[in-house]
Amino acid sequence: MASLRRAIDEDAERWQAIAVQVAAERRARELSQHALADLCGTTQSAIARLERGARPPRLDTLLRIANALDCELIVQLRRRTTIKEESR
């Protein structure tokens, strides 16, 4: 149970870090949430939810946001657990 809670907390931290990056990049480009939403084909409320970390964005939405902000989106798959080799 503790490992599940830890995994959930780590996911929340990752999404919060993305939210902070999106907000910082938007502000650096002097864009309002509404202007960024227009560039991405989404709504201002969706951008606000993302920036608050209220819920994770869909990957296609995050890609559109990255493109609108002229940023590279890097997605990686990392193992959460190690694979134990069978004894022979």
PDB file of N, CA and C in Angstrom:
ATOM      1  N   MET A   1       0.817  -1.182   0.000  1.00  0.00           N
ATOM      2  CA  MET A   1       0.000   0.000   0.000  1.00  0.00           C
ATOM      3  C   MET A   1       0.870   1.259   0.000  1.00  0.00           C
ATOM      4  N   ALA A   2       1.948   1.244   0.748  1.00  0.00           N
ATOM      5  CA  ALA A   2       2.844   2.400   0.801  1.00  0.00           C
ATOM      6  C   ALA A   2       3.496   2.642  -0.560  1.00  0.00           C
ATOM      7  N   SER A   3       3.836   1.577  -1.284  1.00  0.00           N
ATOM      8  CA  SER A   3       4.463   1.753  -2.597  1.00  0.00           C
ATOM      9  C   SER A   3       3.476   2.343  -3.603  1.00  0.00           C
ATOM     10  N   LEU A   4       2.206   1.990  -3.505  1.00  0.00           N
ATOM     11  CA  LEU A   4       1.184   2.558  -4.382  1.00  0.00           C
ATOM     12  C   LEU A   4       1.040   4.054  -4.097  1.00  0.00           C
ATOM     13  N   ARG A   5       0.998   4.399  -2.833  1.00  0.00           N
ATOM     14  CA  ARG A   5       0.874   5.807  -2.445  1.00  0.00           C
ATOM     15  C   ARG A   5       2.068   6.605  -2.942  1.00  0.00           C
ATOM     16  N   ARG A   6       3.256   6.016  -2.838  1.00  0.00           N
ATOM     17  CA  ARG A   6       4.479   6.668  -3.298  1.00  0.00           C
ATOM     18  C   ARG A   6       4.420   6.888  -4.809  1.00  0.00           C
ATOM     19  N   ALA A   7       3.941   5.889  -5.554  1.00  0.00           N
ATOM     20  CA  ALA A   7       3.829   6.000  -7.008  1.00  0.00           C
ATOM     21  C   ALA A   7       2.847   7.104  -7.392  1.00  0.00           C
ATOM     22  N   ILE A   8       1.747   7.189  -6.693  1.00  0.00           N
ATOM     23  CA  ILE A   8       0.745   8.231  -6.962  1.00  0.00           C
ATOM     24  C   ILE A   8       1.345   9.609  -6.673  1.00  0.00           C
ATOM     25  N   ASP A   9       2.065   9.715  -5.570  1.00  0.00           N
ATOM     26  CA  ASP A   9       2.704  10.989  -5.214  1.00  0.00           C
ATOM     27  C   ASP A   9       3.746  11.394  -6.256  1.00  0.00           C
ATOM     28  N   GLU A  10       4.521  10.425  -6.755  1.00  0.00           N
ATOM     29  CA  GLU A  10       5.533  10.714  -7.770  1.00  0.00           C
ATOM     30  C   GLU A  10       4.875  11.176  -9.068  1.00  0.00           C
ATOM     31  N   ASP A  11       3.779  10.545  -9.456  1.00  0.00           N
ATOM     32  CA  ASP A  11       3.048  10.974 -10.652  1.00  0.00           C
ATOM     33  C   ASP A  11       2.548  12.398 -10.486  1.00  0.00           C
ATOM     34  N   ALA A  12       1.994  12.698  -9.325  1.00  0.00           N
ATOM     35  CA  ALA A  12       1.489  14.048  -9.063  1.00  0.00           C
ATOM     36  C   ALA A  12       2.619  15.075  -9.142  1.00  0.00           C
ATOM     37  N   GLU A  13       3.791  14.718  -8.638  1.00  0.00           N
ATOM     38  CA  GLU A  13       4.945  15.623  -8.700  1.00  0.00           C
ATOM     39  C   GLU A  13       5.373  15.861 -10.134  1.00  0.00           C
ATOM     40  N   ARG A  14       5.356  14.806 -10.959  1.00  0.00           N
ATOM     41  CA  ARG A  14       5.725  14.953 -12.371  1.00  0.00           C
ATOM     42  C   ARG A  14       4.767  15.895 -13.086  1.00  0.00           C
ATOM     43  N   TRP A  15       3.471  15.688 -12.892  1.00  0.00           N
ATOM     44  CA  TRP A  15       2.476  16.539 -13.548  1.00  0.00           C
ATOM     45  C   TRP A  15       2.578  17.968 -13.045  1.00  0.00           C
ATOM     46  N   GLN A  16       2.861  18.157 -11.768  1.00  0.00           N
ATOM     47  CA  GLN A  16       3.005  19.510 -11.226  1.00  0.00           C
ATOM     48  C   GLN A  16       4.214  20.191 -11.844  1.00  0.00           C
ATOM     49  N   ALA A  17       5.288  19.456 -12.041  1.00  0.00           N
ATOM     50  CA  ALA A  17       6.487  20.025 -12.661  1.00  0.00           C
ATOM     51  C   ALA A  17       6.185  20.463 -14.092  1.00  0.00           C
ATOM     52  N   ILE A  18       5.417  19.680 -14.824  1.00  0.00           N
ATOM     53  CA  ILE A  18       5.026  20.056 -16.180  1.00  0.00           C
ATOM     54  C   ILE A  18       4.143  21.299 -16.146  1.00  0.00           C
ATOM     55  N   ALA A  19       3.228  21.343 -15.193  1.00  0.00           N
ATOM     56  CA  ALA A  19       2.341  22.506 -15.057  1.00  0.00           C
ATOM     57  C   ALA A  19       3.151  23.780 -14.843  1.00  0.00           C
ATOM     58  N   VAL A  20       4.150  23.715 -13.984  1.00  0.00           N
ATOM     59  CA  VAL A  20       5.003  24.871 -13.706  1.00  0.00           C
ATOM     60  C   VAL A  20       5.771  25.282 -14.958  1.00  0.00           C
ATOM     61  N   GLN A  21       6.275  24.302 -15.705  1.00  0.00           N
ATOM     62  CA  GLN A  21       7.012  24.610 -16.933  1.00  0.00           C
ATOM     63  C   GLN A  21       6.116  25.286 -17.968  1.00  0.00           C
ATOM     64  N   VAL A  22       4.911  24.764 -18.152  1.00  0.00           N
ATOM     65  CA  VAL A  22       3.991  25.343 -19.129  1.00  0.00           C
ATOM     66  C   VAL A  22       3.696  26.793 -18.748  1.00  0.00           C
ATOM     67  N   ALA A  23       3.368  27.036 -17.493  1.00  0.00           N
ATOM     68  CA  ALA A  23       3.055  28.399 -17.050  1.00  0.00           C
ATOM     69  C   ALA A  23       4.256  29.324 -17.250  1.00  0.00           C
ATOM     70  N   ALA A  24       5.450  28.854 -16.924  1.00  0.00           N
ATOM     71  CA  ALA A  24       6.653  29.683 -17.066  1.00  0.00           C
ATOM     72  C   ALA A  24       6.928  30.007 -18.536  1.00  0.00           C
ATOM     73  N   GLU A  25       6.808  29.006 -19.396  1.00  0.00           N
ATOM     74  CA  GLU A  25       7.037  29.233 -20.831  1.00  0.00           C
ATOM     75  C   GLU A  25       5.989  30.180 -21.403  1.00  0.00           C
ATOM     76  N   ARG A  26       4.744  30.035 -20.975  1.00  0.00           N
ATOM     77  CA  ARG A  26       3.672  30.906 -21.458  1.00  0.00           C
ATOM     78  C   ARG A  26       3.951  32.354 -21.062  1.00  0.00           C
ATOM     79  N   ARG A  27       4.318  32.540 -19.797  1.00  0.00           N
ATOM     80  CA  ARG A  27       4.608  33.894 -19.312  1.00  0.00           C
ATOM     81  C   ARG A  27       5.837  34.484 -20.001  1.00  0.00           C
ATOM     82  N   ALA A  28       6.860  33.663 -20.223  1.00  0.00           N
ATOM     83  CA  ALA A  28       8.081  34.135 -20.882  1.00  0.00           C
ATOM     84  C   ALA A  28       7.775  34.649 -22.290  1.00  0.00           C
ATOM     85  N   ARG A  29       6.756  34.096 -22.904  1.00  0.00           N
ATOM     86  CA  ARG A  29       6.350  34.528 -24.244  1.00  0.00           C
ATOM     87  C   ARG A  29       5.252  35.590 -24.198  1.00  0.00           C
ATOM     88  N   GLU A  30       4.968  36.030 -22.972  1.00  0.00           N
ATOM     89  CA  GLU A  30       3.962  37.066 -22.747  1.00  0.00           C
ATOM     90  C   GLU A  30       2.615  36.711 -23.378  1.00  0.00           C
ATOM     91  N   LEU A  31       2.221  35.459 -23.207  1.00  0.00           N
ATOM     92  CA  LEU A  31       0.929  34.978 -23.689  1.00  0.00           C
ATOM     93  C   LEU A  31      -0.037  34.843 -22.523  1.00  0.00           C
ATOM     94  N   SER A  32      -1.260  35.210 -22.751  1.00  0.00           N
ATOM     95  CA  SER A  32      -2.298  34.941 -21.754  1.00  0.00           C
ATOM     96  C   SER A  32      -2.707  33.477 -21.892  1.00  0.00           C
ATOM     97  N   GLN A  33      -3.398  32.975 -20.903  1.00  0.00           N
ATOM     98  CA  GLN A  33      -3.921  31.611 -21.009  1.00  0.00           C
ATOM     99  C   GLN A  33      -4.860  31.502 -22.205  1.00  0.00           C
ATOM    100  N   HIS A  34      -5.634  32.527 -22.440  1.00  0.00           N
ATOM    101  CA  HIS A  34      -6.575  32.526 -23.562  1.00  0.00           C
ATOM    102  C   HIS A  34      -5.824  32.474 -24.901  1.00  0.00           C
ATOM    103  N   ALA A  35      -4.754  33.262 -25.025  1.00  0.00           N
ATOM    104  CA  ALA A  35      -3.969  33.276 -26.265  1.00  0.00           C
ATOM    105  C   ALA A  35      -3.325  31.909 -26.511  1.00  0.00           C
ATOM    106  N   LEU A  36      -2.776  31.311 -25.464  1.00  0.00           N
ATOM    107  CA  LEU A  36      -2.181  29.977 -25.620  1.00  0.00           C
ATOM    108  C   LEU A  36      -3.252  28.962 -26.014  1.00  0.00           C
ATOM    109  N   ALA A  37      -4.408  29.060 -25.391  1.00  0.00           N
ATOM    110  CA  ALA A  37      -5.502  28.145 -25.727  1.00  0.00           C
ATOM    111  C   ALA A  37      -5.878  28.276 -27.189  1.00  0.00           C
ATOM    112  N   ASP A  38      -5.954  29.505 -27.707  1.00  0.00           N
ATOM    113  CA  ASP A  38      -6.269  29.718 -29.117  1.00  0.00           C
ATOM    114  C   ASP A  38      -5.223  29.067 -30.019  1.00  0.00           C
ATOM    115  N   LEU A  39      -3.954  29.205 -29.661  1.00  0.00           N
ATOM    116  CA  LEU A  39      -2.876  28.604 -30.449  1.00  0.00           C
ATOM    117  C   LEU A  39      -2.937  27.080 -30.455  1.00  0.00           C
ATOM    118  N   CYS A  40      -3.471  26.517 -29.359  1.00  0.00           N
ATOM    119  CA  CYS A  40      -3.502  25.057 -29.194  1.00  0.00           C
ATOM    120  C   CYS A  40      -4.818  24.432 -29.635  1.00  0.00           C
ATOM    121  N   GLY A  41      -5.811  25.257 -29.876  1.00  0.00           N
ATOM    122  CA  GLY A  41      -7.116  24.708 -30.220  1.00  0.00           C
ATOM    123  C   GLY A  41      -7.824  24.106 -29.019  1.00  0.00           C
ATOM    124  N   THR A  42      -7.635  24.719 -27.867  1.00  0.00           N
ATOM    125  CA  THR A  42      -8.304  24.249 -26.655  1.00  0.00           C
ATOM    126  C   THR A  42      -8.937  25.462 -25.969  1.00  0.00           C
ATOM    127  N   THR A  43      -9.350  25.295 -24.750  1.00  0.00           N
ATOM    128  CA  THR A  43     -10.003  26.386 -24.028  1.00  0.00           C
ATOM    129  C   THR A  43      -9.077  26.970 -22.973  1.00  0.00           C
ATOM    130  N   GLN A  44      -9.378  28.209 -22.584  1.00  0.00           N
ATOM    131  CA  GLN A  44      -8.612  28.860 -21.527  1.00  0.00           C
ATOM    132  C   GLN A  44      -8.739  28.070 -20.239  1.00  0.00           C
ATOM    133  N   SER A  45      -9.923  27.518 -19.970  1.00  0.00           N
ATOM    134  CA  SER A  45     -10.106  26.760 -18.723  1.00  0.00           C
ATOM    135  C   SER A  45      -9.254  25.488 -18.715  1.00  0.00           C
ATOM    136  N   ALA A  46      -9.037  24.892 -19.887  1.00  0.00           N
ATOM    137  CA  ALA A  46      -8.171  23.697 -19.960  1.00  0.00           C
ATOM    138  C   ALA A  46      -6.726  24.073 -19.631  1.00  0.00           C
ATOM    139  N   ILE A  47      -6.285  25.238 -20.129  1.00  0.00           N
ATOM    140  CA  ILE A  47      -4.927  25.702 -19.819  1.00  0.00           C
ATOM    141  C   ILE A  47      -4.818  26.012 -18.324  1.00  0.00           C
ATOM    142  N   ALA A  48      -5.823  26.651 -17.774  1.00  0.00           N
ATOM    143  CA  ALA A  48      -5.812  26.975 -16.337  1.00  0.00           C
ATOM    144  C   ALA A  48      -5.758  25.705 -15.495  1.00  0.00           C
ATOM    145  N   ARG A  49      -6.551  24.694 -15.855  1.00  0.00           N
ATOM    146  CA  ARG A  49      -6.530  23.419 -15.104  1.00  0.00           C
ATOM    147  C   ARG A  49      -5.155  22.777 -15.171  1.00  0.00           C
ATOM    148  N   LEU A  50      -4.548  22.797 -16.367  1.00  0.00           N
ATOM    149  CA  LEU A  50      -3.222  22.207 -16.525  1.00  0.00           C
ATOM    150  C   LEU A  50      -2.222  22.957 -15.651  1.00  0.00           C
ATOM    151  N   GLU A  51      -2.250  24.285 -15.694  1.00  0.00           N
ATOM    152  CA  GLU A  51      -1.279  25.073 -14.933  1.00  0.00           C
ATOM    153  C   GLU A  51      -1.468  24.940 -13.422  1.00  0.00           C
ATOM    154  N   ARG A  52      -2.669  24.649 -12.990  1.00  0.00           N
ATOM    155  CA  ARG A  52      -2.910  24.401 -11.560  1.00  0.00           C
ATOM    156  C   ARG A  52      -2.515  22.986 -11.175  1.00  0.00           C
ATOM    157  N   GLY A  53      -2.286  22.139 -12.158  1.00  0.00           N
ATOM    158  CA  GLY A  53      -1.979  20.744 -11.872  1.00  0.00           C
ATOM    159  C   GLY A  53      -3.215  19.988 -11.449  1.00  0.00           C
ATOM    160  N   ALA A  54      -4.388  20.502 -11.828  1.00  0.00           N
ATOM    161  CA  ALA A  54      -5.649  19.895 -11.412  1.00  0.00           C
ATOM    162  C   ALA A  54      -5.814  18.475 -11.959  1.00  0.00           C
ATOM    163  N   ARG A  55      -5.349  18.277 -13.178  1.00  0.00           N
ATOM    164  CA  ARG A  55      -5.371  16.929 -13.733  1.00  0.00           C
ATOM    165  C   ARG A  55      -4.382  16.863 -14.882  1.00  0.00           C
ATOM    166  N   PRO A  56      -3.846  15.694 -15.157  1.00  0.00           N
ATOM    167  CA  PRO A  56      -2.861  15.574 -16.240  1.00  0.00           C
ATOM    168  C   PRO A  56      -3.520  15.812 -17.597  1.00  0.00           C
ATOM    169  N   PRO A  57      -2.815  16.499 -18.476  1.00  0.00           N
ATOM    170  CA  PRO A  57      -3.353  16.713 -19.814  1.00  0.00           C
ATOM    171  C   PRO A  57      -3.212  15.452 -20.661  1.00  0.00           C
ATOM    172  N   ARG A  58      -4.027  15.371 -21.691  1.00  0.00           N
ATOM    173  CA  ARG A  58      -3.840  14.281 -22.655  1.00  0.00           C
ATOM    174  C   ARG A  58      -2.542  14.544 -23.399  1.00  0.00           C
ATOM    175  N   LEU A  59      -1.915  13.486 -23.857  1.00  0.00           N
ATOM    176  CA  LEU A  59      -0.624  13.618 -24.529  1.00  0.00           C
ATOM    177  C   LEU A  59      -0.743  14.468 -25.787  1.00  0.00           C
ATOM    178  N   ASP A  60      -1.813  14.313 -26.561  1.00  0.00           N
ATOM    179  CA  ASP A  60      -1.953  15.117 -27.775  1.00  0.00           C
ATOM    180  C   ASP A  60      -2.128  16.601 -27.441  1.00  0.00           C
ATOM    181  N   THR A  61      -2.803  16.900 -26.351  1.00  0.00           N
ATOM    182  CA  THR A  61      -2.952  18.285 -25.914  1.00  0.00           C
ATOM    183  C   THR A  61      -1.610  18.850 -25.475  1.00  0.00           C
ATOM    184  N   LEU A  62      -0.857  18.068 -24.731  1.00  0.00           N
ATOM    185  CA  LEU A  62       0.453  18.512 -24.276  1.00  0.00           C
ATOM    186  C   LEU A  62       1.386  18.757 -25.468  1.00  0.00           C
ATOM    187  N   LEU A  63       1.286  17.934 -26.491  1.00  0.00           N
ATOM    188  CA  LEU A  63       2.095  18.125 -27.697  1.00  0.00           C
ATOM    189  C   LEU A  63       1.708  19.423 -28.407  1.00  0.00           C
ATOM    190  N   ARG A  64       0.416  19.710 -28.498  1.00  0.00           N
ATOM    191  CA  ARG A  64      -0.022  20.965 -29.126  1.00  0.00           C
ATOM    192  C   ARG A  64       0.465  22.168 -28.320  1.00  0.00           C
ATOM    193  N   ILE A  65       0.437  22.058 -26.998  1.00  0.00           N
ATOM    194  CA  ILE A  65       0.930  23.142 -26.142  1.00  0.00           C
ATOM    195  C   ILE A  65       2.430  23.334 -26.350  1.00  0.00           C
ATOM    196  N   ALA A  66       3.173  22.252 -26.370  1.00  0.00           N
ATOM    197  CA  ALA A  66       4.624  22.337 -26.592  1.00  0.00           C
ATOM    198  C   ALA A  66       4.921  22.992 -27.937  1.00  0.00           C
ATOM    199  N   ASN A  67       4.201  22.601 -28.971  1.00  0.00           N
ATOM    200  CA  ASN A  67       4.411  23.207 -30.287  1.00  0.00           C
ATOM    201  C   ASN A  67       4.083  24.690 -30.276  1.00  0.00           C
ATOM    202  N   ALA A  68       2.983  25.059 -29.638  1.00  0.00           N
ATOM    203  CA  ALA A  68       2.585  26.469 -29.565  1.00  0.00           C
ATOM    204  C   ALA A  68       3.620  27.300 -28.810  1.00  0.00           C
ATOM    205  N   LEU A  69       4.281  26.686 -27.839  1.00  0.00           N
ATOM    206  CA  LEU A  69       5.303  27.383 -27.050  1.00  0.00           C
ATOM    207  C   LEU A  69       6.699  27.229 -27.644  1.00  0.00           C
ATOM    208  N   ASP A  70       6.769  26.597 -28.822  1.00  0.00           N
ATOM    209  CA  ASP A  70       8.044  26.336 -29.493  1.00  0.00           C
ATOM    210  C   ASP A  70       9.008  25.586 -28.572  1.00  0.00           C
ATOM    211  N   CYS A  71       8.466  24.547 -27.941  1.00  0.00           N
ATOM    212  CA  CYS A  71       9.249  23.702 -27.038  1.00  0.00           C
ATOM    213  C   CYS A  71       9.249  22.267 -27.561  1.00  0.00           C
ATOM    214  N   GLU A  72      10.260  21.542 -27.175  1.00  0.00           N
ATOM    215  CA  GLU A  72      10.346  20.128 -27.503  1.00  0.00           C
ATOM    216  C   GLU A  72       9.681  19.338 -26.377  1.00  0.00           C
ATOM    217  N   LEU A  73       8.827  18.406 -26.753  1.00  0.00           N
ATOM    218  CA  LEU A  73       8.203  17.525 -25.772  1.00  0.00           C
ATOM    219  C   LEU A  73       8.946  16.205 -25.790  1.00  0.00           C
ATOM    220  N   ILE A  74       9.476  15.824 -24.653  1.00  0.00           N
ATOM    221  CA  ILE A  74      10.230  14.578 -24.550  1.00  0.00           C
ATOM    222  C   ILE A  74       9.441  13.617 -23.669  1.00  0.00           C
ATOM    223  N   VAL A  75       9.145  12.455 -24.219  1.00  0.00           N
ATOM    224  CA  VAL A  75       8.414  11.430 -23.475  1.00  0.00           C
ATOM    225  C   VAL A  75       9.326  10.222 -23.369  1.00  0.00           C
ATOM    226  N   GLN A  76       9.460   9.699 -22.172  1.00  0.00           N
ATOM    227  CA  GLN A  76      10.319   8.541 -21.951  1.00  0.00           C
ATOM    228  C   GLN A  76       9.547   7.454 -21.228  1.00  0.00           C
ATOM    229  N   LEU A  77       9.885   6.232 -21.542  1.00  0.00           N
ATOM    230  CA  LEU A  77       9.376   5.103 -20.777  1.00  0.00           C
ATOM    231  C   LEU A  77      10.505   4.629 -19.873  1.00  0.00           C
ATOM    232  N   ARG A  78      10.219   4.557 -18.599  1.00  0.00           N
ATOM    233  CA  ARG A  78      11.208   4.087 -17.628  1.00  0.00           C
ATOM    234  C   ARG A  78      10.577   2.987 -16.803  1.00  0.00           C
ATOM    235  N   ARG A  79      11.330   1.987 -16.526  1.00  0.00           N
ATOM    236  CA  ARG A  79      10.823   0.910 -15.678  1.00  0.00           C
ATOM    237  C   ARG A  79      10.622   1.423 -14.265  1.00  0.00           C
ATOM    238  N   ARG A  80       9.496   1.048 -13.686  1.00  0.00           N
ATOM    239  CA  ARG A  80       9.234   1.408 -12.290  1.00  0.00           C
ATOM    240  C   ARG A  80       9.809   0.365 -11.347  1.00  0.00           C
ATOM    241  N   THR A  81       9.890  -0.839 -11.844  1.00  0.00           N
ATOM    242  CA  THR A  81      10.426  -1.933 -11.037  1.00  0.00           C
ATOM    243  C   THR A  81      11.524  -2.605 -11.834  1.00  0.00           C
ATOM    244  N   THR A  82      12.348  -3.353 -11.141  1.00  0.00           N
ATOM    245  CA  THR A  82      13.405  -4.088 -11.828  1.00  0.00           C
ATOM    246  C   THR A  82      12.897  -5.480 -12.166  1.00  0.00           C
ATOM    247  N   ILE A  83      13.414  -6.003 -13.230  1.00  0.00           N
ATOM    248  CA  ILE A  83      13.052  -7.363 -13.625  1.00  0.00           C
ATOM    249  C   ILE A  83      14.065  -8.299 -12.992  1.00  0.00           C
ATOM    250  N   LYS A  84      13.572  -9.249 -12.235  1.00  0.00           N
ATOM    251  CA  LYS A  84      14.453 -10.198 -11.577  1.00  0.00           C
ATOM    252  C   LYS A  84      14.735 -11.352 -12.533  1.00  0.00           C
ATOM    253  N   GLU A  85      16.004 -11.661 -12.645  1.00  0.00           N
ATOM    254  CA  GLU A  85      16.372 -12.780 -13.493  1.00  0.00           C
ATOM    255  C   GLU A  85      16.082 -14.082 -12.770  1.00  0.00           C
ATOM    256  N   GLU A  86      15.600 -15.031 -13.543  1.00  0.00           N
ATOM    257  CA  GLU A  86      15.297 -16.336 -12.933  1.00  0.00           C
ATOM    258  C   GLU A  86      16.595 -17.076 -12.638  1.00  0.00           C
ATOM    259  N   SER A  87      16.621 -17.752 -11.547  1.00  0.00           N
ATOM    260  CA  SER A  87      17.789 -18.579 -11.204  1.00  0.00           C
ATOM    261  C   SER A  87      17.792 -19.801 -12.112  1.00  0.00           C
ATOM    262  N   ARG A  88      18.962 -20.174 -12.528  1.00  0.00           N
ATOM    263  CA  ARG A  88      19.062 -21.336 -13.425  1.00  0.00           C
ATOM    264  C   ARG A  88      19.623 -22.501 -12.722  1.00  0.00           C
TER     265      ARG A  88
END
